[in-house]
């Protein structure tokens, strides 16, 4: 039963990722949410996808921290001028 669930998750994940490319051009159904859902399903069973998701999370976290730091520094520099 576990093998069937794994195969089903992988199949649906691949289908969602591929269909997001096709449906991404249509105005009613955006492709990004379908792609993210497909990647989330694949990450559970495919180690390579999981590593890429973890890598993307680290990059987004670093970007957010850097953005907050730059904003804070800009606010401090602007407050000292007045």
C-alpha atoms as a PDB file:
ATOM      1  CA  UNK A   1       0.000   0.000   0.000  1.00  0.00           C
ATOM      2  CA  UNK A   2       2.840   2.406   0.798  1.00  0.00           C
ATOM      3  CA  UNK A   3       4.427   1.758  -2.584  1.00  0.00           C
ATOM      4  CA  UNK A   4       1.143   2.541  -4.330  1.00  0.00           C
ATOM      5  CA  UNK A   5       0.849   5.827  -2.410  1.00  0.00           C
ATOM      6  CA  UNK A   6       4.434   6.746  -3.295  1.00  0.00           C
ATOM      7  CA  UNK A   7       3.926   6.019  -6.988  1.00  0.00           C
ATOM      8  CA  UNK A   8       0.652   7.958  -6.962  1.00  0.00           C
ATOM      9  CA  UNK A   9       2.290  11.006  -5.282  1.00  0.00           C
ATOM     10  CA  UNK A  10       5.159  11.000  -7.763  1.00  0.00           C
ATOM     11  CA  UNK A  11       2.805  10.615 -10.729  1.00  0.00           C
ATOM     12  CA  UNK A  12       0.507  13.414  -9.563  1.00  0.00           C
ATOM     13  CA  UNK A  13       3.508  15.640  -8.735  1.00  0.00           C
ATOM     14  CA  UNK A  14       4.987  15.202 -12.208  1.00  0.00           C
ATOM     15  CA  UNK A  15       1.575  15.757 -13.800  1.00  0.00           C
ATOM     16  CA  UNK A  16       1.062  18.998 -11.841  1.00  0.00           C
ATOM     17  CA  UNK A  17       4.538  20.306 -12.717  1.00  0.00           C
ATOM     18  CA  UNK A  18       4.088  19.538 -16.405  1.00  0.00           C
ATOM     19  CA  UNK A  19       0.529  20.861 -16.540  1.00  0.00           C
ATOM     20  CA  UNK A  20       1.641  24.098 -14.841  1.00  0.00           C
ATOM     21  CA  UNK A  21       3.835  24.795 -17.852  1.00  0.00           C
ATOM     22  CA  UNK A  22       0.937  24.191 -20.236  1.00  0.00           C
ATOM     23  CA  UNK A  23      -1.654  26.036 -18.145  1.00  0.00           C
ATOM     24  CA  UNK A  24       0.672  28.881 -17.239  1.00  0.00           C
ATOM     25  CA  UNK A  25      -0.150  30.581 -20.508  1.00  0.00           C
ATOM     26  CA  UNK A  26      -3.878  30.669 -19.777  1.00  0.00           C
ATOM     27  CA  UNK A  27      -5.251  33.687 -17.926  1.00  0.00           C
ATOM     28  CA  UNK A  28      -7.681  31.770 -15.674  1.00  0.00           C
ATOM     29  CA  UNK A  29      -5.418  29.095 -14.203  1.00  0.00           C
ATOM     30  CA  UNK A  30      -2.015  30.365 -13.058  1.00  0.00           C
ATOM     31  CA  UNK A  31       0.809  27.882 -13.417  1.00  0.00           C
ATOM     32  CA  UNK A  32       2.864  28.851 -10.349  1.00  0.00           C
ATOM     33  CA  UNK A  33       0.528  27.383  -7.690  1.00  0.00           C
ATOM     34  CA  UNK A  34       0.242  24.136  -9.652  1.00  0.00           C
ATOM     35  CA  UNK A  35       4.020  23.948  -9.994  1.00  0.00           C
ATOM     36  CA  UNK A  36       4.564  24.570  -6.274  1.00  0.00           C
ATOM     37  CA  UNK A  37       1.983  21.943  -5.385  1.00  0.00           C
ATOM     38  CA  UNK A  38       3.659  19.437  -7.709  1.00  0.00           C
ATOM     39  CA  UNK A  39       7.081  20.174  -6.229  1.00  0.00           C
ATOM     40  CA  UNK A  40       5.678  19.780  -2.704  1.00  0.00           C
ATOM     41  CA  UNK A  41       4.328  16.340  -3.619  1.00  0.00           C
ATOM     42  CA  UNK A  42       7.566  15.297  -5.292  1.00  0.00           C
ATOM     43  CA  UNK A  43       9.748  16.535  -2.413  1.00  0.00           C
ATOM     44  CA  UNK A  44       8.262  13.934  -0.107  1.00  0.00           C
ATOM     45  CA  UNK A  45       9.524  11.004  -2.181  1.00  0.00           C
ATOM     46  CA  UNK A  46      12.322  12.290  -4.445  1.00  0.00           C
ATOM     47  CA  UNK A  47      15.532  13.206  -2.564  1.00  0.00           C
ATOM     48  CA  UNK A  48      16.860  15.445  -5.348  1.00  0.00           C
ATOM     49  CA  UNK A  49      13.691  17.554  -5.305  1.00  0.00           C
ATOM     50  CA  UNK A  50      13.827  17.739  -1.497  1.00  0.00           C
ATOM     51  CA  UNK A  51      17.410  19.049  -1.633  1.00  0.00           C
ATOM     52  CA  UNK A  52      16.386  21.709  -4.156  1.00  0.00           C
ATOM     53  CA  UNK A  53      13.437  22.782  -1.997  1.00  0.00           C
ATOM     54  CA  UNK A  54      15.708  23.052   1.051  1.00  0.00           C
ATOM     55  CA  UNK A  55      18.242  25.033  -0.980  1.00  0.00           C
ATOM     56  CA  UNK A  56      15.537  27.418  -2.218  1.00  0.00           C
ATOM     57  CA  UNK A  57      14.251  27.907   1.344  1.00  0.00           C
ATOM     58  CA  UNK A  58      17.753  28.814   2.548  1.00  0.00           C
ATOM     59  CA  UNK A  59      18.206  31.296  -0.289  1.00  0.00           C
ATOM     60  CA  UNK A  60      14.846  32.956   0.347  1.00  0.00           C
ATOM     61  CA  UNK A  61      15.597  33.168   4.073  1.00  0.00           C
ATOM     62  CA  UNK A  62      18.997  34.789   3.403  1.00  0.00           C
ATOM     63  CA  UNK A  63      17.395  37.202   0.949  1.00  0.00           C
ATOM     64  CA  UNK A  64      14.733  38.212   3.477  1.00  0.00           C
ATOM     65  CA  UNK A  65      17.299  38.736   6.249  1.00  0.00           C
ATOM     66  CA  UNK A  66      19.485  40.808   3.922  1.00  0.00           C
ATOM     67  CA  UNK A  67      16.478  42.841   2.787  1.00  0.00           C
ATOM     68  CA  UNK A  68      15.447  43.587   6.372  1.00  0.00           C
ATOM     69  CA  UNK A  69      19.026  44.556   7.252  1.00  0.00           C
ATOM     70  CA  UNK A  70      19.292  46.930   4.296  1.00  0.00           C
ATOM     71  CA  UNK A  71      15.935  48.494   5.103  1.00  0.00           C
ATOM     72  CA  UNK A  72      16.940  48.953   8.751  1.00  0.00           C
ATOM     73  CA  UNK A  73      20.275  50.487   7.774  1.00  0.00           C
ATOM     74  CA  UNK A  74      18.583  52.846   5.299  1.00  0.00           C
ATOM     75  CA  UNK A  75      16.135  53.943   7.994  1.00  0.00           C
ATOM     76  CA  UNK A  76      18.977  54.600  10.435  1.00  0.00           C
ATOM     77  CA  UNK A  77      20.936  56.578   7.858  1.00  0.00           C
ATOM     78  CA  UNK A  78      17.853  58.651   6.970  1.00  0.00           C
ATOM     79  CA  UNK A  79      17.020  59.339  10.635  1.00  0.00           C
ATOM     80  CA  UNK A  80      20.493  60.741  11.281  1.00  0.00           C
ATOM     81  CA  UNK A  81      20.200  63.336   8.525  1.00  0.00           C
ATOM     82  CA  UNK A  82      17.304  65.274  10.034  1.00  0.00           C
END
